C-alpha atoms as a PDB file:
ATOM      1  CA  UNK A   1     -14.419 -30.562  12.166  1.00  0.00           C
ATOM      2  CA  UNK A   2     -13.580 -34.247  11.271  1.00  0.00           C
ATOM      3  CA  UNK A   3     -16.171 -36.059   9.253  1.00  0.00           C
ATOM      4  CA  UNK A   4     -18.471 -38.453  10.989  1.00  0.00           C
ATOM      5  CA  UNK A   5     -18.990 -42.312   9.806  1.00  0.00           C
ATOM      6  CA  UNK A   6     -22.600 -42.590   9.992  1.00  0.00           C
ATOM      7  CA  UNK A   7     -22.472 -46.327   9.946  1.00  0.00           C
ATOM      8  CA  UNK A   8     -20.660 -45.966  13.364  1.00  0.00           C
ATOM      9  CA  UNK A   9     -22.862 -43.711  14.946  1.00  0.00           C
ATOM     10  CA  UNK A  10     -26.075 -46.048  14.018  1.00  0.00           C
ATOM     11  CA  UNK A  11     -23.956 -49.063  15.283  1.00  0.00           C
ATOM     12  CA  UNK A  12     -23.345 -47.051  18.590  1.00  0.00           C
ATOM     13  CA  UNK A  13     -27.209 -45.904  18.719  1.00  0.00           C
ATOM     14  CA  UNK A  14     -28.305 -49.477  18.177  1.00  0.00           C
ATOM     15  CA  UNK A  15     -26.197 -50.633  20.793  1.00  0.00           C
ATOM     16  CA  UNK A  16     -27.376 -48.202  23.693  1.00  0.00           C
ATOM     17  CA  UNK A  17     -30.927 -48.912  22.324  1.00  0.00           C
ATOM     18  CA  UNK A  18     -30.375 -52.677  23.079  1.00  0.00           C
ATOM     19  CA  UNK A  19     -28.497 -51.781  26.350  1.00  0.00           C
ATOM     20  CA  UNK A  20     -31.620 -49.284  27.659  1.00  0.00           C
ATOM     21  CA  UNK A  21     -33.899 -52.232  26.640  1.00  0.00           C
ATOM     22  CA  UNK A  22     -31.961 -54.752  28.779  1.00  0.00           C
ATOM     23  CA  UNK A  23     -30.200 -56.437  25.806  1.00  0.00           C
ATOM     24  CA  UNK A  24     -26.880 -57.674  25.585  1.00  0.00           C
ATOM     25  CA  UNK A  25     -24.346 -55.645  23.454  1.00  0.00           C
ATOM     26  CA  UNK A  26     -23.600 -52.557  25.685  1.00  0.00           C
ATOM     27  CA  UNK A  27     -20.725 -50.826  24.131  1.00  0.00           C
ATOM     28  CA  UNK A  28     -17.661 -51.035  25.969  1.00  0.00           C
ATOM     29  CA  UNK A  29     -15.179 -49.411  23.532  1.00  0.00           C
ATOM     30  CA  UNK A  30     -15.252 -47.538  20.320  1.00  0.00           C
ATOM     31  CA  UNK A  31     -17.239 -49.307  17.456  1.00  0.00           C
ATOM     32  CA  UNK A  32     -15.307 -50.709  14.842  1.00  0.00           C
ATOM     33  CA  UNK A  33     -12.076 -49.051  15.893  1.00  0.00           C
ATOM     34  CA  UNK A  34     -13.035 -45.326  15.852  1.00  0.00           C
ATOM     35  CA  UNK A  35     -13.550 -43.138  18.334  1.00  0.00           C
ATOM     36  CA  UNK A  36     -16.432 -42.526  20.700  1.00  0.00           C
ATOM     37  CA  UNK A  37     -18.993 -40.249  19.262  1.00  0.00           C
ATOM     38  CA  UNK A  38     -19.379 -38.625  22.722  1.00  0.00           C
ATOM     39  CA  UNK A  39     -15.910 -37.660  23.104  1.00  0.00           C
ATOM     40  CA  UNK A  40     -15.650 -36.087  19.823  1.00  0.00           C
ATOM     41  CA  UNK A  41     -18.914 -34.115  20.323  1.00  0.00           C
ATOM     42  CA  UNK A  42     -17.489 -33.050  23.585  1.00  0.00           C
ATOM     43  CA  UNK A  43     -14.197 -32.155  21.966  1.00  0.00           C
ATOM     44  CA  UNK A  44     -15.520 -30.363  19.128  1.00  0.00           C
ATOM     45  CA  UNK A  45     -17.760 -28.245  21.960  1.00  0.00           C
ATOM     46  CA  UNK A  46     -14.706 -27.688  23.878  1.00  0.00           C
ATOM     47  CA  UNK A  47     -13.104 -26.034  20.615  1.00  0.00           C
ATOM     48  CA  UNK A  48     -16.026 -24.115  20.176  1.00  0.00           C
ATOM     49  CA  UNK A  49     -15.788 -22.536  23.225  1.00  0.00           C
ATOM     50  CA  UNK A  50     -12.263 -22.117  23.216  1.00  0.00           C
ATOM     51  CA  UNK A  51     -12.618 -19.972  19.887  1.00  0.00           C
ATOM     52  CA  UNK A  52     -15.273 -17.831  21.534  1.00  0.00           C
ATOM     53  CA  UNK A  53     -13.213 -17.215  24.598  1.00  0.00           C
ATOM     54  CA  UNK A  54     -10.018 -16.125  22.454  1.00  0.00           C
ATOM     55  CA  UNK A  55     -12.305 -14.064  20.350  1.00  0.00           C
ATOM     56  CA  UNK A  56     -13.659 -12.372  23.709  1.00  0.00           C
ATOM     57  CA  UNK A  57     -10.379 -11.561  24.896  1.00  0.00           C
ATOM     58  CA  UNK A  58      -9.194 -10.337  21.832  1.00  0.00           C
ATOM     59  CA  UNK A  59     -11.951  -7.944  21.713  1.00  0.00           C
ATOM     60  CA  UNK A  60     -11.370  -6.809  25.151  1.00  0.00           C
ATOM     61  CA  UNK A  61      -7.555  -6.323  24.600  1.00  0.00           C
ATOM     62  CA  UNK A  62      -8.420  -4.325  21.516  1.00  0.00           C
ATOM     63  CA  UNK A  63     -10.814  -2.013  23.284  1.00  0.00           C
ATOM     64  CA  UNK A  64      -8.285  -1.568  26.014  1.00  0.00           C
ATOM     65  CA  UNK A  65      -5.513  -0.509  23.227  1.00  0.00           C
ATOM     66  CA  UNK A  66      -3.150  -3.743  23.660  1.00  0.00           C
ATOM     67  CA  UNK A  67      -0.108  -3.290  21.173  1.00  0.00           C
ATOM     68  CA  UNK A  68      -0.158  -6.183  18.671  1.00  0.00           C
ATOM     69  CA  UNK A  69      -3.991  -6.314  18.592  1.00  0.00           C
ATOM     70  CA  UNK A  70      -5.463  -5.001  15.534  1.00  0.00           C
ATOM     71  CA  UNK A  71      -8.812  -4.626  14.126  1.00  0.00           C
ATOM     72  CA  UNK A  72      -8.508  -7.577  11.192  1.00  0.00           C
ATOM     73  CA  UNK A  73      -7.201 -10.019  13.724  1.00  0.00           C
ATOM     74  CA  UNK A  74     -10.258  -9.409  16.120  1.00  0.00           C
ATOM     75  CA  UNK A  75     -12.728  -9.402  13.365  1.00  0.00           C
ATOM     76  CA  UNK A  76     -11.416 -12.800  11.828  1.00  0.00           C
ATOM     77  CA  UNK A  77     -11.144 -14.214  15.322  1.00  0.00           C
ATOM     78  CA  UNK A  78     -14.879 -13.236  16.118  1.00  0.00           C
ATOM     79  CA  UNK A  79     -15.988 -14.593  12.558  1.00  0.00           C
ATOM     80  CA  UNK A  80     -14.439 -17.875  13.046  1.00  0.00           C
ATOM     81  CA  UNK A  81     -15.856 -18.315  16.699  1.00  0.00           C
ATOM     82  CA  UNK A  82     -19.441 -17.533  15.024  1.00  0.00           C
ATOM     83  CA  UNK A  83     -18.724 -19.995  12.120  1.00  0.00           C
ATOM     84  CA  UNK A  84     -17.731 -22.648  14.434  1.00  0.00           C
ATOM     85  CA  UNK A  85     -21.042 -21.962  16.853  1.00  0.00           C
ATOM     86  CA  UNK A  86     -23.178 -22.091  13.722  1.00  0.00           C
ATOM     87  CA  UNK A  87     -21.277 -25.258  12.633  1.00  0.00           C
ATOM     88  CA  UNK A  88     -22.054 -26.838  16.044  1.00  0.00           C
ATOM     89  CA  UNK A  89     -25.588 -25.776  16.013  1.00  0.00           C
ATOM     90  CA  UNK A  90     -26.389 -27.378  12.987  1.00  0.00           C
ATOM     91  CA  UNK A  91     -24.780 -30.525  14.148  1.00  0.00           C
ATOM     92  CA  UNK A  92     -26.739 -30.377  17.316  1.00  0.00           C
ATOM     93  CA  UNK A  93     -30.062 -29.866  15.242  1.00  0.00           C
ATOM     94  CA  UNK A  94     -29.372 -32.682  12.972  1.00  0.00           C
ATOM     95  CA  UNK A  95     -28.645 -35.239  15.901  1.00  0.00           C
ATOM     96  CA  UNK A  96     -31.706 -34.201  17.176  1.00  0.00           C
ATOM     97  CA  UNK A  97     -33.605 -34.570  14.181  1.00  0.00           C
ATOM     98  CA  UNK A  98     -32.139 -38.075  13.507  1.00  0.00           C
ATOM     99  CA  UNK A  99     -32.804 -38.985  17.137  1.00  0.00           C
ATOM    100  CA  UNK A 100     -36.714 -38.040  16.512  1.00  0.00           C
ATOM    101  CA  UNK A 101     -36.887 -39.775  13.317  1.00  0.00           C
ATOM    102  CA  UNK A 102     -35.402 -42.996  15.031  1.00  0.00           C
ATOM    103  CA  UNK A 103     -37.808 -42.609  17.752  1.00  0.00           C
ATOM    104  CA  UNK A 104     -40.971 -42.676  15.431  1.00  0.00           C
ATOM    105  CA  UNK A 105     -39.576 -45.968  13.602  1.00  0.00           C
ATOM    106  CA  UNK A 106     -42.058 -48.442  14.200  1.00  0.00           C
ATOM    107  CA  UNK A 107     -40.696 -51.521  15.916  1.00  0.00           C
END
């Protein structure tokens, strides 16, 4: 997973807030030359989904006795899928916490 620049995220959140309140400055493109946060988040979720799908397919292949699929490979894939899911869950929790904190700020 790539590092997220907090200042870019905050700038995007401020621009979205201004746009939602009818102000000027709706984001047209990436802030400060970086990628869209929503695109990065969607790609990360897609990668987690792929890891879980691959782990499930390996488990199924191992159960069916397919050649070339051994237990350590299945266990590593399952562990990678679990860790990536835990990581994306922590990102979601922190985003939700930041959102709640911003919404509770006095104006």
